Amino acid sequence: MPTGANHGYRRNTMGFNRKDGFYHRAKREGKRSRAAYKLEELHRRYRLFTPSARILELGAAPGGWTEFIAGIVGRRGLVVGLDLLPMAGLPTPPCRLLQADITATDSPERIREIAPHPFDGVVSDMAPNLTGIRTTDEARALEVDRAALALARTVLRPGGFFLIKVFQSPDLAAFKDELCARFDGLTATRPEASRKSSAELYLLARGFQPDAQD
């Protein structure tokens, strides 16, 4: 799959009013995106991040999640933000940015070049560029999910966690089964900051168990 911003994965772009209460709150508080509030809520519920942790973020632009994670892991931690789009102005350390396509065959190697040790967690808020055709968009979303899982399997430490945004569809159960085959536990949740019109959920898989092929 070719790289480049015109072919990428990005945050959900369905036809909704972006300027809701969380949008205006993000503007007031100087957040890079309203999506930061979703991650803040998930962290409060599940204590995802700890000081000095090593985290890989997929689909990191515009950096709202990256900024939040960096504030917790601190200068002794590491946050690698991967996206097709460039980002700037994030604190270094702990942030390292990589402009890449998650489906590119050299992406795991490029990640290891800047972060040779396994990650404690991988997080993804990605969504595909949508067409408005439900079956097509569901298939594309699942393709993104599986690409994120495939990459996570190459970089997670045993026992690590994987947080991913998904969209409800008839095939979601099969993807949950794939997660359960690689992790000890799976939780489905929906933050308050998710738009009411959105079909998004977040899946939190904990206790990564690599096999001989990982």
Protein backbone atom coordinates (compact mmCIF):
# COMPACT_ATOMS: atom_id res chain seq x y z
CA MET A 1 0.00 0.00 0.00
CA PRO A 2 1.59 3.33 -1.02
CA THR A 3 2.52 5.93 1.52
CA GLY A 4 1.58 9.58 1.49
CA ALA A 5 -0.93 11.87 3.11
CA ASN A 6 -3.44 11.45 0.29
CA HIS A 7 -3.74 7.75 0.89
CA GLY A 8 -3.61 7.54 4.63
CA TYR A 9 -5.48 6.75 7.72
CA ARG A 10 -6.83 9.59 9.80
CA ARG A 11 -9.28 10.32 12.55
CA ASN A 12 -12.93 9.69 11.77
CA THR A 13 -14.13 12.01 8.98
CA MET A 14 -17.85 11.21 8.77
CA GLY A 15 -20.21 14.06 8.00
CA PHE A 16 -20.90 15.42 11.47
CA ASN A 17 -20.67 18.78 13.17
CA ARG A 18 -17.12 18.94 14.49
CA LYS A 19 -17.81 22.03 16.59
CA ASP A 20 -19.47 20.34 19.56
CA GLY A 21 -18.83 21.03 23.23
CA PHE A 22 -15.57 19.06 23.32
CA TYR A 23 -14.33 20.89 20.21
CA HIS A 24 -14.86 24.28 21.88
CA ARG A 25 -13.34 23.04 25.12
CA ALA A 26 -10.23 21.88 23.24
CA LYS A 27 -9.91 25.32 21.68
CA ARG A 28 -10.22 27.04 25.05
CA GLU A 29 -7.70 24.77 26.73
CA GLY A 30 -5.18 24.79 23.88
CA LYS A 31 -5.50 21.09 23.04
CA ARG A 32 -4.30 19.88 19.67
CA SER A 33 -7.56 17.97 19.17
CA ARG A 34 -10.78 17.07 20.98
CA ALA A 35 -9.65 13.41 20.81
CA ALA A 36 -7.35 14.08 23.78
CA TYR A 37 -10.38 14.01 26.07
CA LYS A 38 -11.23 10.47 25.00
CA LEU A 39 -7.77 9.25 25.92
CA GLU A 40 -7.80 11.15 29.22
CA GLU A 41 -11.04 9.39 30.16
CA LEU A 42 -9.74 5.98 29.13
CA HIS A 43 -6.59 6.55 31.16
CA ARG A 44 -8.64 7.49 34.23
CA ARG A 45 -10.65 4.28 33.90
CA TYR A 46 -7.84 1.84 33.14
CA ARG A 47 -4.55 3.51 34.22
CA LEU A 48 -2.95 2.89 30.85
CA PHE A 49 0.23 4.91 31.24
CA THR A 50 2.89 5.14 33.92
CA PRO A 51 6.05 7.21 34.38
CA SER A 52 8.95 5.95 32.24
CA ALA A 53 6.68 3.78 30.07
CA ARG A 54 7.40 3.18 26.38
CA ILE A 55 4.39 3.78 24.12
CA LEU A 56 3.89 3.59 20.35
CA GLU A 57 1.04 5.66 18.95
CA LEU A 58 -0.32 4.83 15.48
CA GLY A 59 -2.04 7.59 13.54
CA ALA A 60 -0.61 10.21 15.86
CA ALA A 61 -1.35 13.46 13.98
CA PRO A 62 -2.22 16.12 15.04
CA GLY A 63 -0.60 15.05 18.32
CA GLY A 64 -3.32 15.40 20.96
CA TRP A 65 -2.83 11.86 22.24
CA THR A 66 0.95 12.14 21.94
CA GLU A 67 0.99 15.27 24.06
CA PHE A 68 -1.19 13.70 26.76
CA ILE A 69 0.89 10.50 26.95
CA ALA A 70 4.13 12.49 27.07
CA GLY A 71 2.88 14.37 30.12
CA ILE A 72 2.53 11.08 32.02
CA VAL A 73 5.52 9.01 30.88
CA GLY A 74 7.85 11.99 31.39
CA ARG A 75 11.36 12.60 30.12
CA ARG A 76 12.49 9.10 31.10
CA GLY A 77 9.72 7.52 29.06
CA LEU A 78 9.25 7.32 25.31
CA VAL A 79 6.36 8.11 22.99
CA VAL A 80 6.89 7.24 19.34
CA GLY A 81 4.21 8.90 17.21
CA LEU A 82 3.76 7.38 13.76
CA ASP A 83 1.66 8.99 11.05
CA LEU A 84 1.65 9.73 7.32
CA LEU A 85 1.33 13.42 8.21
CA PRO A 86 4.16 15.48 9.73
CA MET A 87 3.91 16.86 13.26
CA ALA A 88 5.90 19.46 15.14
CA GLY A 89 6.16 21.19 18.49
CA LEU A 90 6.04 18.11 20.70
CA PRO A 91 8.45 17.76 23.65
CA THR A 92 11.65 15.82 22.98
CA PRO A 93 12.23 13.86 25.12
CA PRO A 94 10.03 11.86 25.45
CA CYS A 95 8.50 12.21 21.96
CA ARG A 96 9.99 10.79 18.79
CA LEU A 97 8.09 11.22 15.54
CA LEU A 98 8.13 8.93 12.52
CA GLN A 99 6.44 9.78 9.21
CA ALA A 100 5.48 6.38 7.82
CA ASP A 101 2.68 4.09 6.64
CA ILE A 102 1.77 1.36 9.12
CA THR A 103 1.33 -1.13 6.26
CA ALA A 104 4.77 -0.53 4.75
CA THR A 105 7.02 -3.57 5.10
CA ASP A 106 9.88 -1.50 6.49
CA SER A 107 7.83 0.23 9.21
CA PRO A 108 8.75 -2.24 12.02
CA GLU A 109 12.43 -1.86 11.15
CA ARG A 110 12.18 1.94 11.08
CA ILE A 111 10.47 1.90 14.48
CA ARG A 112 13.21 -0.32 15.93
CA GLU A 113 15.87 2.07 14.60
CA ILE A 114 14.62 4.79 16.94
CA ALA A 115 13.23 2.50 19.66
CA PRO A 116 15.19 -0.78 19.79
CA HIS A 117 13.44 -2.09 22.92
CA PRO A 118 9.85 -3.43 22.97
CA PHE A 119 6.97 -1.15 23.91
CA ASP A 120 4.79 -1.39 27.00
CA GLY A 121 1.75 -0.36 24.98
CA VAL A 122 0.52 0.47 21.49
CA VAL A 123 -2.41 2.87 21.00
CA SER A 124 -4.32 3.69 17.83
CA ASP A 125 -7.04 6.24 17.11
CA MET A 126 -6.88 5.70 13.35
CA ALA A 127 -9.75 5.59 10.91
CA PRO A 128 -9.67 5.21 7.13
CA ASN A 129 -10.61 7.89 4.65
CA LEU A 130 -14.31 7.18 4.29
CA THR A 131 -16.46 6.97 1.16
CA GLY A 132 -19.94 7.12 2.68
CA ILE A 133 -20.65 3.60 1.38
CA ARG A 134 -21.27 1.61 4.53
CA THR A 135 -19.99 -1.80 3.42
CA THR A 136 -16.88 -0.30 1.86
CA ASP A 137 -16.13 1.82 4.89
CA GLU A 138 -16.61 -1.11 7.27
CA ALA A 139 -14.20 -3.20 5.22
CA ARG A 140 -11.63 -0.39 5.14
CA ALA A 141 -11.92 0.18 8.87
CA LEU A 142 -11.32 -3.50 9.55
CA GLU A 143 -8.31 -3.43 7.24
CA VAL A 144 -6.86 -0.58 9.29
CA ASP A 145 -7.56 -2.47 12.53
CA ARG A 146 -5.78 -5.58 11.32
CA ALA A 147 -2.81 -3.59 10.04
CA ALA A 148 -2.49 -1.94 13.45
CA LEU A 149 -2.65 -5.30 15.22
CA ALA A 150 -0.06 -6.81 12.88
CA LEU A 151 2.35 -3.96 13.63
CA ALA A 152 1.64 -4.07 17.37
CA ARG A 153 2.55 -7.76 17.45
CA THR A 154 6.03 -6.95 16.15
CA VAL A 155 6.87 -4.32 18.77
CA LEU A 156 5.00 -5.12 22.01
CA ARG A 157 6.69 -6.68 24.99
CA PRO A 158 5.11 -9.79 26.54
CA GLY A 159 2.33 -8.62 28.84
CA GLY A 160 1.93 -5.29 27.03
CA PHE A 161 -1.36 -3.66 26.08
CA PHE A 162 -3.06 -2.58 22.86
CA LEU A 163 -5.74 0.14 22.70
CA ILE A 164 -7.51 0.60 19.37
CA LYS A 165 -10.47 2.52 17.99
CA VAL A 166 -12.86 0.33 16.02
CA PHE A 167 -16.26 0.78 14.40
CA GLN A 168 -19.22 -1.45 15.04
CA SER A 169 -19.87 -3.80 12.11
CA PRO A 170 -20.90 -7.42 11.48
CA ASP A 171 -17.21 -8.41 11.20
CA LEU A 172 -16.09 -6.82 14.46
CA ALA A 173 -16.66 -10.05 16.40
CA ALA A 174 -14.03 -11.80 14.27
CA PHE A 175 -11.50 -9.07 15.02
CA LYS A 176 -12.24 -9.36 18.74
CA ASP A 177 -11.50 -13.09 18.45
CA GLU A 178 -8.14 -12.25 16.86
CA LEU A 179 -7.31 -10.02 19.81
CA CYS A 180 -8.39 -12.66 22.32
CA ALA A 181 -6.03 -15.13 20.64
CA ARG A 182 -3.06 -12.83 21.38
CA PHE A 183 -4.00 -11.19 24.68
CA ASP A 184 -5.14 -12.38 28.09
CA GLY A 185 -8.08 -9.98 28.40
CA LEU A 186 -10.26 -7.73 26.25
CA THR A 187 -12.50 -4.81 27.23
CA ALA A 188 -14.81 -2.81 24.96
CA THR A 189 -15.61 0.74 26.04
CA ARG A 190 -16.91 4.06 24.74
CA PRO A 191 -15.68 7.37 26.17
CA GLU A 192 -18.08 10.19 26.93
CA ALA A 193 -16.19 12.41 24.45
CA SER A 194 -17.13 10.12 21.54
CA ARG A 195 -19.73 11.79 19.37
CA LYS A 196 -23.21 10.40 19.92
CA SER A 197 -23.63 9.86 16.18
CA SER A 198 -20.41 7.84 15.89
CA ALA A 199 -20.31 4.04 15.75
CA GLU A 200 -16.84 4.00 17.30
CA LEU A 201 -15.75 1.85 20.21
CA TYR A 202 -12.40 1.37 21.87
CA LEU A 203 -10.99 -2.08 22.48
CA LEU A 204 -8.40 -2.49 25.23
CA ALA A 205 -6.46 -5.75 25.01
CA ARG A 206 -4.10 -6.53 27.88
CA GLY A 207 -1.53 -9.22 28.57
CA PHE A 208 0.09 -9.66 25.15
CA GLN A 209 1.21 -13.23 24.48
CA PRO A 210 3.57 -13.48 21.51
CA ASP A 211 3.88 -16.76 19.68
CA ALA A 212 6.94 -18.16 17.92
CA GLN A 213 6.17 -16.18 14.75
CA ASP A 214 5.94 -12.78 16.48
